[in-house]
Amino acid sequence: MQSIDELAHAITELDPSDQEALMEKVSKLNSKNDRTNGTDTRVELMQEAMKDELFLADLHEVMDDFRHVDAEEPAA
């Protein structure tokens, strides 16, 4: 699993217009989540995200970027 810092770094490397679109979507998701009671809304939002082509493309890109790191053994 990636840390928040790793995800933030990946976001900063996006094209500025993609960053803006992603941040708008996050903002909408947060405000939508604030208005309702948690779990059901989060599940709905995750289902929506799984249909979002830009989100999925970014997710796969980040996963590919860290694939080699995930295969490494932790330092002893």
C-alpha atoms as a PDB file:
ATOM      1  CA  MET A   1       0.000   0.000   0.000  1.00  0.00           C
ATOM      2  CA  GLN A   2       1.249   3.471  -0.818  1.00  0.00           C
ATOM      3  CA  SER A   3       1.707   6.221   1.693  1.00  0.00           C
ATOM      4  CA  ILE A   4      -0.061   9.555   1.416  1.00  0.00           C
ATOM      5  CA  ASP A   5       3.311  11.162   0.601  1.00  0.00           C
ATOM      6  CA  GLU A   6       3.827   8.794  -2.321  1.00  0.00           C
ATOM      7  CA  LEU A   7       0.356   9.502  -3.674  1.00  0.00           C
ATOM      8  CA  ALA A   8       0.812  13.250  -3.229  1.00  0.00           C
ATOM      9  CA  HIS A   9       4.108  13.065  -5.113  1.00  0.00           C
ATOM     10  CA  ALA A  10       2.438  11.127  -7.942  1.00  0.00           C
ATOM     11  CA  ILE A  11      -0.340  13.740  -8.121  1.00  0.00           C
ATOM     12  CA  THR A  12       2.163  16.588  -8.348  1.00  0.00           C
ATOM     13  CA  GLU A  13       3.682  14.955 -11.422  1.00  0.00           C
ATOM     14  CA  LEU A  14       0.365  15.018 -13.289  1.00  0.00           C
ATOM     15  CA  ASP A  15      -0.323  17.528 -16.017  1.00  0.00           C
ATOM     16  CA  PRO A  16      -1.760  20.720 -14.395  1.00  0.00           C
ATOM     17  CA  SER A  17      -5.163  20.280 -16.046  1.00  0.00           C
ATOM     18  CA  ASP A  18      -5.324  16.668 -14.820  1.00  0.00           C
ATOM     19  CA  GLN A  19      -4.313  17.839 -11.326  1.00  0.00           C
ATOM     20  CA  GLU A  20      -7.109  20.388 -11.314  1.00  0.00           C
ATOM     21  CA  ALA A  21      -9.681  17.846 -12.493  1.00  0.00           C
ATOM     22  CA  LEU A  22      -8.551  15.346  -9.876  1.00  0.00           C
ATOM     23  CA  MET A  23      -8.635  17.923  -7.082  1.00  0.00           C
ATOM     24  CA  GLU A  24     -12.138  19.041  -8.128  1.00  0.00           C
ATOM     25  CA  LYS A  25     -13.312  15.438  -8.021  1.00  0.00           C
ATOM     26  CA  VAL A  26     -11.724  14.909  -4.578  1.00  0.00           C
ATOM     27  CA  SER A  27     -13.341  18.106  -3.319  1.00  0.00           C
ATOM     28  CA  LYS A  28     -16.748  16.989  -4.575  1.00  0.00           C
ATOM     29  CA  LEU A  29     -16.279  13.564  -3.022  1.00  0.00           C
ATOM     30  CA  ASN A  30     -15.318  15.092   0.318  1.00  0.00           C
ATOM     31  CA  SER A  31     -18.265  17.478   0.380  1.00  0.00           C
ATOM     32  CA  LYS A  32     -20.617  14.716  -0.699  1.00  0.00           C
ATOM     33  CA  ASN A  33     -19.246  12.484   2.060  1.00  0.00           C
ATOM     34  CA  ASP A  34     -19.662  15.249   4.654  1.00  0.00           C
ATOM     35  CA  ARG A  35     -23.369  15.527   3.885  1.00  0.00           C
ATOM     36  CA  THR A  36     -24.112  11.851   4.387  1.00  0.00           C
ATOM     37  CA  ASN A  37     -23.246   9.194   6.888  1.00  0.00           C
ATOM     38  CA  GLY A  38     -20.045   7.462   5.866  1.00  0.00           C
ATOM     39  CA  THR A  39     -19.961   3.868   4.738  1.00  0.00           C
ATOM     40  CA  ASP A  40     -22.754   3.714   2.153  1.00  0.00           C
ATOM     41  CA  THR A  41     -21.550   6.905   0.501  1.00  0.00           C
ATOM     42  CA  ARG A  42     -17.949   5.722   0.457  1.00  0.00           C
ATOM     43  CA  VAL A  43     -18.960   2.479  -1.231  1.00  0.00           C
ATOM     44  CA  GLU A  44     -20.954   4.437  -3.813  1.00  0.00           C
ATOM     45  CA  LEU A  45     -18.006   6.759  -4.446  1.00  0.00           C
ATOM     46  CA  MET A  46     -15.641   3.814  -4.866  1.00  0.00           C
ATOM     47  CA  GLN A  47     -18.065   2.298  -7.358  1.00  0.00           C
ATOM     48  CA  GLU A  48     -18.123   5.594  -9.270  1.00  0.00           C
ATOM     49  CA  ALA A  49     -14.321   5.781  -9.227  1.00  0.00           C
ATOM     50  CA  MET A  50     -14.083   2.303 -10.744  1.00  0.00           C
ATOM     51  CA  LYS A  51     -15.944   3.644 -13.788  1.00  0.00           C
ATOM     52  CA  ASP A  52     -13.831   6.806 -14.145  1.00  0.00           C
ATOM     53  CA  GLU A  53     -11.353   6.298 -16.989  1.00  0.00           C
ATOM     54  CA  LEU A  54      -8.961   9.069 -15.865  1.00  0.00           C
ATOM     55  CA  PHE A  55      -8.894   7.766 -12.298  1.00  0.00           C
ATOM     56  CA  LEU A  56      -8.254   4.204 -13.470  1.00  0.00           C
ATOM     57  CA  ALA A  57      -5.499   5.296 -15.854  1.00  0.00           C
ATOM     58  CA  ASP A  58      -3.787   7.246 -13.061  1.00  0.00           C
ATOM     59  CA  LEU A  59      -4.206   4.359 -10.651  1.00  0.00           C
ATOM     60  CA  HIS A  60      -2.635   1.893 -13.078  1.00  0.00           C
ATOM     61  CA  GLU A  61       0.226   4.279 -13.811  1.00  0.00           C
ATOM     62  CA  VAL A  62       1.009   4.691 -10.116  1.00  0.00           C
ATOM     63  CA  MET A  63       0.742   0.945  -9.557  1.00  0.00           C
ATOM     64  CA  ASP A  64       3.194   0.322 -12.399  1.00  0.00           C
ATOM     65  CA  ASP A  65       5.580   2.940 -10.997  1.00  0.00           C
ATOM     66  CA  PHE A  66       5.762   1.140  -7.657  1.00  0.00           C
ATOM     67  CA  ARG A  67       5.578  -2.477  -8.873  1.00  0.00           C
ATOM     68  CA  HIS A  68       9.352  -2.993  -8.583  1.00  0.00           C
ATOM     69  CA  VAL A  69       9.440  -1.460  -5.096  1.00  0.00           C
ATOM     70  CA  ASP A  70       6.626  -3.699  -3.879  1.00  0.00           C
ATOM     71  CA  ALA A  71       8.621  -6.775  -4.964  1.00  0.00           C
ATOM     72  CA  GLU A  72      11.685  -5.796  -2.913  1.00  0.00           C
ATOM     73  CA  GLU A  73      12.355  -7.286   0.505  1.00  0.00           C
ATOM     74  CA  PRO A  74      12.484  -4.827   3.400  1.00  0.00           C
ATOM     75  CA  ALA A  75      15.966  -3.960   4.681  1.00  0.00           C
ATOM     76  CA  ALA A  76      16.911  -5.937   7.773  1.00  0.00           C
END
